Amino acid sequence: MNETLSTADGRQVLRLERELAHPPEEVWRSITEPARLSEWYPFPVTGIDLRAGGEIGFDDGEGTRSSGTVTELEPHRVFAFTEEGDLLRIELRPGGQGTLLVFTHTFDDRSAAAATATGWTCCLDALEDVTAGRPARAAESVVERHERFVREFGLDEPTVESTSDGWRPRFHRPLIQRPVDAVWSVLTEGSGVEVGGAVPSACTTEQVPAGAVVDVQPPRRLEYEWTSDGASVGRVRWELADGRGGARIVLTHSGPDELAEQRDVA
């Protein structure tokens, strides 16, 4: 299988391919029959009006129900529908005795791309099992898959912004299966942090000398001064938020134009 992430009309487009050892007619049953679709799709499907413009219903089993609209339907070849503003499209291409499945998911939040790709690769593993008449396998190697997608999609790279005061690299780093509280505990080394106090070493790097803590809002924000020649010259801020599948870290580091060489160091 190969996975790509691109941008179209300002939205993110995740594309996955999977070769299946079954003809399109058999795979079609696994993607359009509610009972079989529910075995591998993230949410149980309550029903499908199998026509363009028809409704598809979902139930997360925890009291939340939603619906989408079938946007494209070509029997044994294309099935596409919306779900909460996203577009899911499944295309089946015959090949030999099997099928090439091309799955695309169009969505807005680029920072969620690694978690989204991880989830769908696990779902497509289960789809293979369902089509073969086997019990759907449990998701495996979730963290490893997620970290691979983070690297492949460039989600570990910063953006660098220019501000009225200088420069600011910004990292938006998704994690998976790691809740905010657990990440906060690691960053603060399990100890209390106070304004004016020392910065936990886990929040620092030796290339950026740390000053004092200037803002702390457990378990969501920690901000401290950084220094050059003993003087405060900018801020480093850690912010944690809930993301798809785990915590998100937003790390920003501000500095003045006269220390532009420190931007790349940061």
C-alpha atoms as a PDB file:
ATOM      1  CA  MET A   1       0.000   0.000   0.000  1.00  0.00           C
ATOM      2  CA  ASN A   2       1.153   3.547  -0.607  1.00  0.00           C
ATOM      3  CA  GLU A   3      -0.123   6.710   1.014  1.00  0.00           C
ATOM      4  CA  THR A   4       0.105  10.304  -0.164  1.00  0.00           C
ATOM      5  CA  LEU A   5      -1.065  13.635   1.199  1.00  0.00           C
ATOM      6  CA  SER A   6      -1.779  16.533  -1.139  1.00  0.00           C
ATOM      7  CA  THR A   7      -3.748  19.780  -1.171  1.00  0.00           C
ATOM      8  CA  ALA A   8      -6.670  20.583  -3.457  1.00  0.00           C
ATOM      9  CA  ASP A   9      -8.817  23.729  -3.243  1.00  0.00           C
ATOM     10  CA  GLY A  10      -7.313  24.495   0.154  1.00  0.00           C
ATOM     11  CA  ARG A  11      -8.245  21.105   1.616  1.00  0.00           C
ATOM     12  CA  GLN A  12      -6.137  18.078   2.493  1.00  0.00           C
ATOM     13  CA  VAL A  13      -6.479  14.969   0.326  1.00  0.00           C
ATOM     14  CA  LEU A  14      -5.233  11.695   1.763  1.00  0.00           C
ATOM     15  CA  ARG A  15      -4.931   8.893  -0.799  1.00  0.00           C
ATOM     16  CA  LEU A  16      -4.336   5.232   0.004  1.00  0.00           C
ATOM     17  CA  GLU A  17      -4.116   2.231  -2.283  1.00  0.00           C
ATOM     18  CA  ARG A  18      -4.634  -1.387  -1.309  1.00  0.00           C
ATOM     19  CA  GLU A  19      -4.456  -4.526  -3.489  1.00  0.00           C
ATOM     20  CA  LEU A  20      -7.091  -7.055  -2.492  1.00  0.00           C
ATOM     21  CA  ALA A  21      -7.193 -10.708  -3.566  1.00  0.00           C
ATOM     22  CA  HIS A  22     -10.915 -10.605  -4.328  1.00  0.00           C
ATOM     23  CA  PRO A  23     -12.942  -9.396  -7.341  1.00  0.00           C
ATOM     24  CA  PRO A  24     -14.624  -5.966  -7.252  1.00  0.00           C
ATOM     25  CA  GLU A  25     -18.078  -7.531  -6.834  1.00  0.00           C
ATOM     26  CA  GLU A  26     -17.034  -9.112  -3.530  1.00  0.00           C
ATOM     27  CA  VAL A  27     -15.230  -6.009  -2.258  1.00  0.00           C
ATOM     28  CA  TRP A  28     -18.305  -3.962  -3.195  1.00  0.00           C
ATOM     29  CA  ARG A  29     -20.381  -5.925  -0.693  1.00  0.00           C
ATOM     30  CA  SER A  30     -17.869  -5.069   2.058  1.00  0.00           C
ATOM     31  CA  ILE A  31     -18.107  -1.341   1.393  1.00  0.00           C
ATOM     32  CA  THR A  32     -21.844  -0.950   0.746  1.00  0.00           C
ATOM     33  CA  GLU A  33     -23.662  -3.518   2.911  1.00  0.00           C
ATOM     34  CA  PRO A  34     -24.224  -1.851   6.311  1.00  0.00           C
ATOM     35  CA  ALA A  35     -23.443  -4.941   8.390  1.00  0.00           C
ATOM     36  CA  ARG A  36     -20.175  -5.634   6.581  1.00  0.00           C
ATOM     37  CA  LEU A  37     -19.207  -1.963   6.351  1.00  0.00           C
ATOM     38  CA  SER A  38     -19.725  -1.658  10.111  1.00  0.00           C
ATOM     39  CA  GLU A  39     -17.122  -4.386  10.707  1.00  0.00           C
ATOM     40  CA  TRP A  40     -14.250  -2.268   9.380  1.00  0.00           C
ATOM     41  CA  TYR A  41     -15.467   1.358   9.262  1.00  0.00           C
ATOM     42  CA  PRO A  42     -14.656   3.499  12.359  1.00  0.00           C
ATOM     43  CA  PHE A  43     -18.357   3.854  13.287  1.00  0.00           C
ATOM     44  CA  PRO A  44     -21.198   1.366  12.977  1.00  0.00           C
ATOM     45  CA  VAL A  45     -23.442   2.150  10.015  1.00  0.00           C
ATOM     46  CA  THR A  46     -27.158   2.194  10.764  1.00  0.00           C
ATOM     47  CA  GLY A  47     -28.303   2.208   7.140  1.00  0.00           C
ATOM     48  CA  ILE A  48     -27.521   3.319   3.582  1.00  0.00           C
ATOM     49  CA  ASP A  49     -29.889   4.620   0.938  1.00  0.00           C
ATOM     50  CA  LEU A  50     -27.708   3.339  -1.878  1.00  0.00           C
ATOM     51  CA  ARG A  51     -28.159   6.056  -4.493  1.00  0.00           C
ATOM     52  CA  ALA A  52     -26.595   9.404  -5.288  1.00  0.00           C
ATOM     53  CA  GLY A  53     -28.166  11.838  -2.845  1.00  0.00           C
ATOM     54  CA  GLY A  54     -29.149   9.058  -0.454  1.00  0.00           C
ATOM     55  CA  GLU A  55     -28.463   9.173   3.269  1.00  0.00           C
ATOM     56  CA  ILE A  56     -25.924   7.102   5.182  1.00  0.00           C
ATOM     57  CA  GLY A  57     -26.320   6.918   8.963  1.00  0.00           C
ATOM     58  CA  PHE A  58     -23.703   6.405  11.679  1.00  0.00           C
ATOM     59  CA  ASP A  59     -23.890   5.620  15.393  1.00  0.00           C
ATOM     60  CA  ASP A  60     -20.757   5.709  17.561  1.00  0.00           C
ATOM     61  CA  GLY A  61     -22.402   3.481  20.152  1.00  0.00           C
ATOM     62  CA  GLU A  62     -22.022   6.153  22.830  1.00  0.00           C
ATOM     63  CA  GLY A  63     -25.141   8.173  22.113  1.00  0.00           C
ATOM     64  CA  THR A  64     -23.879  10.200  19.149  1.00  0.00           C
ATOM     65  CA  ARG A  65     -25.560   9.696  15.807  1.00  0.00           C
ATOM     66  CA  SER A  66     -24.751  11.451  12.562  1.00  0.00           C
ATOM     67  CA  SER A  67     -25.521  11.162   8.900  1.00  0.00           C
ATOM     68  CA  GLY A  68     -23.880  11.793   5.563  1.00  0.00           C
ATOM     69  CA  THR A  69     -24.896  11.925   1.934  1.00  0.00           C
ATOM     70  CA  VAL A  70     -23.947   9.575  -0.877  1.00  0.00           C
ATOM     71  CA  THR A  71     -22.293  11.820  -3.463  1.00  0.00           C
ATOM     72  CA  GLU A  72     -21.231   9.315  -6.090  1.00  0.00           C
ATOM     73  CA  LEU A  73     -22.362   5.784  -6.850  1.00  0.00           C
ATOM     74  CA  GLU A  74     -21.288   3.499  -9.668  1.00  0.00           C
ATOM     75  CA  PRO A  75     -22.011  -0.121  -8.745  1.00  0.00           C
ATOM     76  CA  HIS A  76     -18.923  -2.293  -8.260  1.00  0.00           C
ATOM     77  CA  ARG A  77     -16.704   0.681  -9.053  1.00  0.00           C
ATOM     78  CA  VAL A  78     -17.230   3.918  -7.054  1.00  0.00           C
ATOM     79  CA  PHE A  79     -18.834   4.687  -3.702  1.00  0.00           C
ATOM     80  CA  ALA A  80     -18.405   8.175  -2.210  1.00  0.00           C
ATOM     81  CA  PHE A  81     -20.134   9.961   0.636  1.00  0.00           C
ATOM     82  CA  THR A  82     -19.804  12.832   3.069  1.00  0.00           C
ATOM     83  CA  GLU A  83     -19.319  12.571   6.808  1.00  0.00           C
ATOM     84  CA  GLU A  84     -19.323  15.718   8.988  1.00  0.00           C
ATOM     85  CA  GLY A  85     -18.014  17.863   6.153  1.00  0.00           C
ATOM     86  CA  ASP A  86     -15.358  15.387   5.007  1.00  0.00           C
ATOM     87  CA  LEU A  87     -15.534  13.499   1.716  1.00  0.00           C
ATOM     88  CA  LEU A  88     -14.761   9.780   1.548  1.00  0.00           C
ATOM     89  CA  ARG A  89     -14.358   8.124  -1.840  1.00  0.00           C
ATOM     90  CA  ILE A  90     -13.669   4.463  -2.587  1.00  0.00           C
ATOM     91  CA  GLU A  91     -12.826   3.365  -6.119  1.00  0.00           C
ATOM     92  CA  LEU A  92     -12.463  -0.275  -7.140  1.00  0.00           C
ATOM     93  CA  ARG A  93     -10.310  -1.163 -10.136  1.00  0.00           C
ATOM     94  CA  PRO A  94     -10.219  -4.770 -11.403  1.00  0.00           C
ATOM     95  CA  GLY A  95      -6.769  -6.279 -11.692  1.00  0.00           C
ATOM     96  CA  GLY A  96      -6.115  -9.951 -12.492  1.00  0.00           C
ATOM     97  CA  GLN A  97      -8.123 -12.038 -10.040  1.00  0.00           C
ATOM     98  CA  GLY A  98      -8.268  -9.209  -7.508  1.00  0.00           C
ATOM     99  CA  THR A  99      -9.012  -5.536  -7.010  1.00  0.00           C
ATOM    100  CA  LEU A 100      -7.024  -2.362  -6.583  1.00  0.00           C
ATOM    101  CA  LEU A 101      -8.867  -0.268  -3.994  1.00  0.00           C
ATOM    102  CA  VAL A 102      -8.161   3.482  -4.130  1.00  0.00           C
ATOM    103  CA  PHE A 103      -9.360   5.284  -1.016  1.00  0.00           C
ATOM    104  CA  THR A 104      -9.345   9.077  -0.690  1.00  0.00           C
ATOM    105  CA  HIS A 105     -10.339  11.228   2.266  1.00  0.00           C
ATOM    106  CA  THR A 106     -10.709  14.980   1.811  1.00  0.00           C
ATOM    107  CA  PHE A 107     -10.622  17.040   5.015  1.00  0.00           C
ATOM    108  CA  ASP A 108      -9.428  20.376   6.426  1.00  0.00           C
ATOM    109  CA  ASP A 109      -7.101  19.828   9.377  1.00  0.00           C
ATOM    110  CA  ARG A 110      -3.593  19.060   8.088  1.00  0.00           C
ATOM    111  CA  SER A 111      -2.262  18.510  11.609  1.00  0.00           C
ATOM    112  CA  ALA A 112      -4.594  15.497  11.893  1.00  0.00           C
ATOM    113  CA  ALA A 113      -3.269  13.872   8.713  1.00  0.00           C
ATOM    114  CA  ALA A 114      -0.989  11.361  10.447  1.00  0.00           C
ATOM    115  CA  ALA A 115      -3.718  10.199  12.814  1.00  0.00           C
ATOM    116  CA  THR A 116      -6.176  10.024   9.915  1.00  0.00           C
ATOM    117  CA  ALA A 117      -3.800   7.935   7.793  1.00  0.00           C
ATOM    118  CA  THR A 118      -3.045   5.666  10.739  1.00  0.00           C
ATOM    119  CA  GLY A 119      -6.720   5.061  11.344  1.00  0.00           C
ATOM    120  CA  TRP A 120      -7.511   4.299   7.736  1.00  0.00           C
ATOM    121  CA  THR A 121      -4.603   1.885   7.255  1.00  0.00           C
ATOM    122  CA  CYS A 122      -5.902  -0.053  10.269  1.00  0.00           C
ATOM    123  CA  CYS A 123      -9.430   0.040   8.833  1.00  0.00           C
ATOM    124  CA  LEU A 124      -8.251  -1.251   5.465  1.00  0.00           C
ATOM    125  CA  ASP A 125      -6.457  -4.106   7.221  1.00  0.00           C
ATOM    126  CA  ALA A 126      -9.834  -4.991   8.718  1.00  0.00           C
ATOM    127  CA  LEU A 127     -11.542  -4.586   5.319  1.00  0.00           C
ATOM    128  CA  GLU A 128      -9.238  -7.246   3.886  1.00  0.00           C
ATOM    129  CA  ASP A 129     -10.304  -9.613   6.647  1.00  0.00           C
ATOM    130  CA  VAL A 130     -14.017  -8.877   6.248  1.00  0.00           C
ATOM    131  CA  THR A 131     -13.838  -9.447   2.484  1.00  0.00           C
ATOM    132  CA  ALA A 132     -11.993 -12.731   3.047  1.00  0.00           C
ATOM    133  CA  GLY A 133     -14.622 -13.876   5.551  1.00  0.00           C
ATOM    134  CA  ARG A 134     -12.254 -13.645   8.529  1.00  0.00           C
ATOM    135  CA  PRO A 135     -12.825 -11.781  11.807  1.00  0.00           C
ATOM    136  CA  ALA A 136     -11.484  -8.232  11.524  1.00  0.00           C
ATOM    137  CA  ARG A 137      -8.025  -8.044  13.074  1.00  0.00           C
ATOM    138  CA  ALA A 138      -7.207  -5.697  15.931  1.00  0.00           C
ATOM    139  CA  ALA A 139      -5.209  -2.591  15.060  1.00  0.00           C
ATOM    140  CA  GLU A 140      -1.464  -3.154  15.356  1.00  0.00           C
ATOM    141  CA  SER A 141       1.649  -0.951  15.428  1.00  0.00           C
ATOM    142  CA  VAL A 142      -0.515   2.149  15.773  1.00  0.00           C
ATOM    143  CA  VAL A 143       2.145   4.413  17.294  1.00  0.00           C
ATOM    144  CA  GLU A 144       4.803   3.257  14.819  1.00  0.00           C
ATOM    145  CA  ARG A 145       2.483   3.888  11.863  1.00  0.00           C
ATOM    146  CA  HIS A 146       1.570   7.314  13.195  1.00  0.00           C
ATOM    147  CA  GLU A 147       5.202   8.388  13.629  1.00  0.00           C
ATOM    148  CA  ARG A 148       6.016   7.182  10.111  1.00  0.00           C
ATOM    149  CA  PHE A 149       3.228   9.312   8.673  1.00  0.00           C
ATOM    150  CA  VAL A 150       4.350  12.315  10.742  1.00  0.00           C
ATOM    151  CA  ARG A 151       7.755  12.071   9.065  1.00  0.00           C
ATOM    152  CA  GLU A 152       6.494  11.243   5.560  1.00  0.00           C
ATOM    153  CA  PHE A 153       3.949  14.098   5.556  1.00  0.00           C
ATOM    154  CA  GLY A 154       6.427  16.614   6.999  1.00  0.00           C
ATOM    155  CA  LEU A 155       4.364  17.195  10.126  1.00  0.00           C
ATOM    156  CA  ASP A 156       7.542  17.322  12.213  1.00  0.00           C
ATOM    157  CA  GLU A 157       8.767  20.424  10.371  1.00  0.00           C
ATOM    158  CA  PRO A 158       8.154  23.968  11.668  1.00  0.00           C
ATOM    159  CA  THR A 159       6.725  26.996   9.960  1.00  0.00           C
ATOM    160  CA  VAL A 160       8.670  30.227  10.440  1.00  0.00           C
ATOM    161  CA  GLU A 161       6.661  33.414  10.863  1.00  0.00           C
ATOM    162  CA  SER A 162       7.768  37.030  10.766  1.00  0.00           C
ATOM    163  CA  THR A 163       6.318  39.233  13.479  1.00  0.00           C
ATOM    164  CA  SER A 164       6.489  42.912  14.399  1.00  0.00           C
ATOM    165  CA  ASP A 165       9.083  41.966  17.019  1.00  0.00           C
ATOM    166  CA  GLY A 166      11.182  39.561  14.982  1.00  0.00           C
ATOM    167  CA  TRP A 167      10.772  35.888  14.089  1.00  0.00           C
ATOM    168  CA  ARG A 168       8.882  32.879  15.410  1.00  0.00           C
ATOM    169  CA  PRO A 169       9.333  29.214  14.450  1.00  0.00           C
ATOM    170  CA  ARG A 170       6.185  27.235  15.199  1.00  0.00           C
ATOM    171  CA  PHE A 171       5.850  23.464  15.513  1.00  0.00           C
ATOM    172  CA  HIS A 172       2.447  21.766  15.458  1.00  0.00           C
ATOM    173  CA  ARG A 173       3.153  18.201  16.504  1.00  0.00           C
ATOM    174  CA  PRO A 174       0.424  15.544  16.751  1.00  0.00           C
ATOM    175  CA  LEU A 175       0.777  12.541  19.033  1.00  0.00           C
ATOM    176  CA  ILE A 176      -1.395   9.432  19.223  1.00  0.00           C
ATOM    177  CA  GLN A 177      -2.588   7.369  22.173  1.00  0.00           C
ATOM    178  CA  ARG A 178      -1.013   9.961  24.460  1.00  0.00           C
ATOM    179  CA  PRO A 179      -3.532  12.159  26.337  1.00  0.00           C
ATOM    180  CA  VAL A 180      -2.819  15.728  27.351  1.00  0.00           C
ATOM    181  CA  ASP A 181      -2.350  14.892  31.030  1.00  0.00           C
ATOM    182  CA  ALA A 182       0.289  12.266  30.251  1.00  0.00           C
ATOM    183  CA  VAL A 183       2.222  14.627  27.977  1.00  0.00           C
ATOM    184  CA  TRP A 184       2.069  17.406  30.595  1.00  0.00           C
ATOM    185  CA  SER A 185       3.459  15.036  33.211  1.00  0.00           C
ATOM    186  CA  VAL A 186       6.431  14.222  30.981  1.00  0.00           C
ATOM    187  CA  LEU A 187       7.112  17.874  30.122  1.00  0.00           C
ATOM    188  CA  THR A 188       6.988  18.984  33.753  1.00  0.00           C
ATOM    189  CA  GLU A 189       8.739  15.860  35.043  1.00  0.00           C
ATOM    190  CA  GLY A 190       5.822  15.195  37.364  1.00  0.00           C
ATOM    191  CA  SER A 191       6.531  18.250  39.517  1.00  0.00           C
ATOM    192  CA  GLY A 192       4.783  21.539  40.144  1.00  0.00           C
ATOM    193  CA  VAL A 193       5.797  24.508  37.995  1.00  0.00           C
ATOM    194  CA  GLU A 194       5.400  28.096  39.181  1.00  0.00           C
ATOM    195  CA  VAL A 195       5.678  31.508  37.564  1.00  0.00           C
ATOM    196  CA  GLY A 196       9.121  32.887  38.337  1.00  0.00           C
ATOM    197  CA  GLY A 197      10.506  29.436  38.995  1.00  0.00           C
ATOM    198  CA  ALA A 198      12.875  27.192  37.075  1.00  0.00           C
ATOM    199  CA  VAL A 199      11.866  25.642  33.783  1.00  0.00           C
ATOM    200  CA  PRO A 200      11.677  21.810  33.769  1.00  0.00           C
ATOM    201  CA  SER A 201      14.570  20.437  31.772  1.00  0.00           C
ATOM    202  CA  ALA A 202      12.237  18.379  29.563  1.00  0.00           C
ATOM    203  CA  CYS A 203      10.889  21.674  28.150  1.00  0.00           C
ATOM    204  CA  THR A 204      14.329  23.016  27.233  1.00  0.00           C
ATOM    205  CA  THR A 205      17.225  22.377  24.905  1.00  0.00           C
ATOM    206  CA  GLU A 206      20.827  23.326  25.611  1.00  0.00           C
ATOM    207  CA  GLN A 207      21.029  25.448  22.449  1.00  0.00           C
ATOM    208  CA  VAL A 208      18.331  27.761  23.840  1.00  0.00           C
ATOM    209  CA  PRO A 209      19.246  28.953  27.372  1.00  0.00           C
ATOM    210  CA  ALA A 210      16.139  29.068  29.554  1.00  0.00           C
ATOM    211  CA  GLY A 211      15.250  31.934  31.885  1.00  0.00           C
ATOM    212  CA  ALA A 212      12.274  31.912  34.239  1.00  0.00           C
ATOM    213  CA  VAL A 213       8.730  30.617  33.805  1.00  0.00           C
ATOM    214  CA  VAL A 214       6.398  33.511  32.903  1.00  0.00           C
ATOM    215  CA  ASP A 215       3.092  31.671  32.450  1.00  0.00           C
ATOM    216  CA  VAL A 216       1.802  28.256  33.486  1.00  0.00           C
ATOM    217  CA  GLN A 217      -1.718  26.873  33.075  1.00  0.00           C
ATOM    218  CA  PRO A 218      -1.675  23.138  33.864  1.00  0.00           C
ATOM    219  CA  PRO A 219      -2.064  20.967  31.875  1.00  0.00           C
ATOM    220  CA  ARG A 220      -2.343  23.189  28.803  1.00  0.00           C
ATOM    221  CA  ARG A 221       0.347  25.879  28.708  1.00  0.00           C
ATOM    222  CA  LEU A 222       3.869  26.560  29.884  1.00  0.00           C
ATOM    223  CA  GLU A 223       5.799  29.623  28.734  1.00  0.00           C
ATOM    224  CA  TYR A 224       9.258  30.804  29.676  1.00  0.00           C
ATOM    225  CA  GLU A 225      11.854  33.393  28.722  1.00  0.00           C
ATOM    226  CA  TRP A 226      14.969  32.448  26.852  1.00  0.00           C
ATOM    227  CA  THR A 227      18.193  34.374  27.200  1.00  0.00           C
ATOM    228  CA  SER A 228      21.244  35.558  25.292  1.00  0.00           C
ATOM    229  CA  ASP A 229      24.291  36.831  27.165  1.00  0.00           C
ATOM    230  CA  GLY A 230      22.230  36.641  30.320  1.00  0.00           C
ATOM    231  CA  ALA A 231      19.423  38.931  29.098  1.00  0.00           C
ATOM    232  CA  SER A 232      15.862  37.911  28.234  1.00  0.00           C
ATOM    233  CA  VAL A 233      15.380  38.158  24.457  1.00  0.00           C
ATOM    234  CA  GLY A 234      12.253  36.124  23.677  1.00  0.00           C
ATOM    235  CA  ARG A 235       9.770  33.485  24.726  1.00  0.00           C
ATOM    236  CA  VAL A 236       9.304  29.736  24.329  1.00  0.00           C
ATOM    237  CA  ARG A 237       5.739  28.494  24.691  1.00  0.00           C
ATOM    238  CA  TRP A 238       4.417  24.953  24.989  1.00  0.00           C
ATOM    239  CA  GLU A 239       0.682  24.515  24.407  1.00  0.00           C
ATOM    240  CA  LEU A 240      -1.213  21.232  24.611  1.00  0.00           C
ATOM    241  CA  ALA A 241      -4.618  20.490  23.098  1.00  0.00           C
ATOM    242  CA  ASP A 242      -6.787  17.476  22.425  1.00  0.00           C
ATOM    243  CA  GLY A 243      -6.401  16.134  18.913  1.00  0.00           C
ATOM    244  CA  ARG A 244      -7.575  13.200  16.836  1.00  0.00           C
ATOM    245  CA  GLY A 245      -6.352  10.132  18.676  1.00  0.00           C
ATOM    246  CA  GLY A 246      -4.151  11.952  21.185  1.00  0.00           C
ATOM    247  CA  ALA A 247      -2.629  15.224  22.308  1.00  0.00           C
ATOM    248  CA  ARG A 248      -1.327  17.959  20.043  1.00  0.00           C
ATOM    249  CA  ILE A 249       1.686  20.042  20.909  1.00  0.00           C
ATOM    250  CA  VAL A 250       2.076  23.578  19.594  1.00  0.00           C
ATOM    251  CA  LEU A 251       5.584  24.848  20.337  1.00  0.00           C
ATOM    252  CA  THR A 252       6.543  28.427  19.458  1.00  0.00           C
ATOM    253  CA  HIS A 253       9.845  30.223  19.956  1.00  0.00           C
ATOM    254  CA  SER A 254      10.054  33.990  19.427  1.00  0.00           C
ATOM    255  CA  GLY A 255      13.201  36.035  18.963  1.00  0.00           C
ATOM    256  CA  PRO A 256      14.346  39.481  17.793  1.00  0.00           C
ATOM    257  CA  ASP A 257      15.604  40.382  14.328  1.00  0.00           C
ATOM    258  CA  GLU A 258      19.046  41.238  15.695  1.00  0.00           C
ATOM    259  CA  LEU A 259      19.456  37.592  16.677  1.00  0.00           C
ATOM    260  CA  ALA A 260      18.345  36.206  13.317  1.00  0.00           C
ATOM    261  CA  GLU A 261      21.103  33.605  13.385  1.00  0.00           C
ATOM    262  CA  GLN A 262      19.353  32.025  16.384  1.00  0.00           C
ATOM    263  CA  ARG A 263      16.223  31.377  14.353  1.00  0.00           C
ATOM    264  CA  ASP A 264      17.757  28.370  12.601  1.00  0.00           C
ATOM    265  CA  VAL A 265      19.249  27.200  15.880  1.00  0.00           C
ATOM    266  CA  ALA A 266      15.761  27.295  17.361  1.00  0.00           C
END
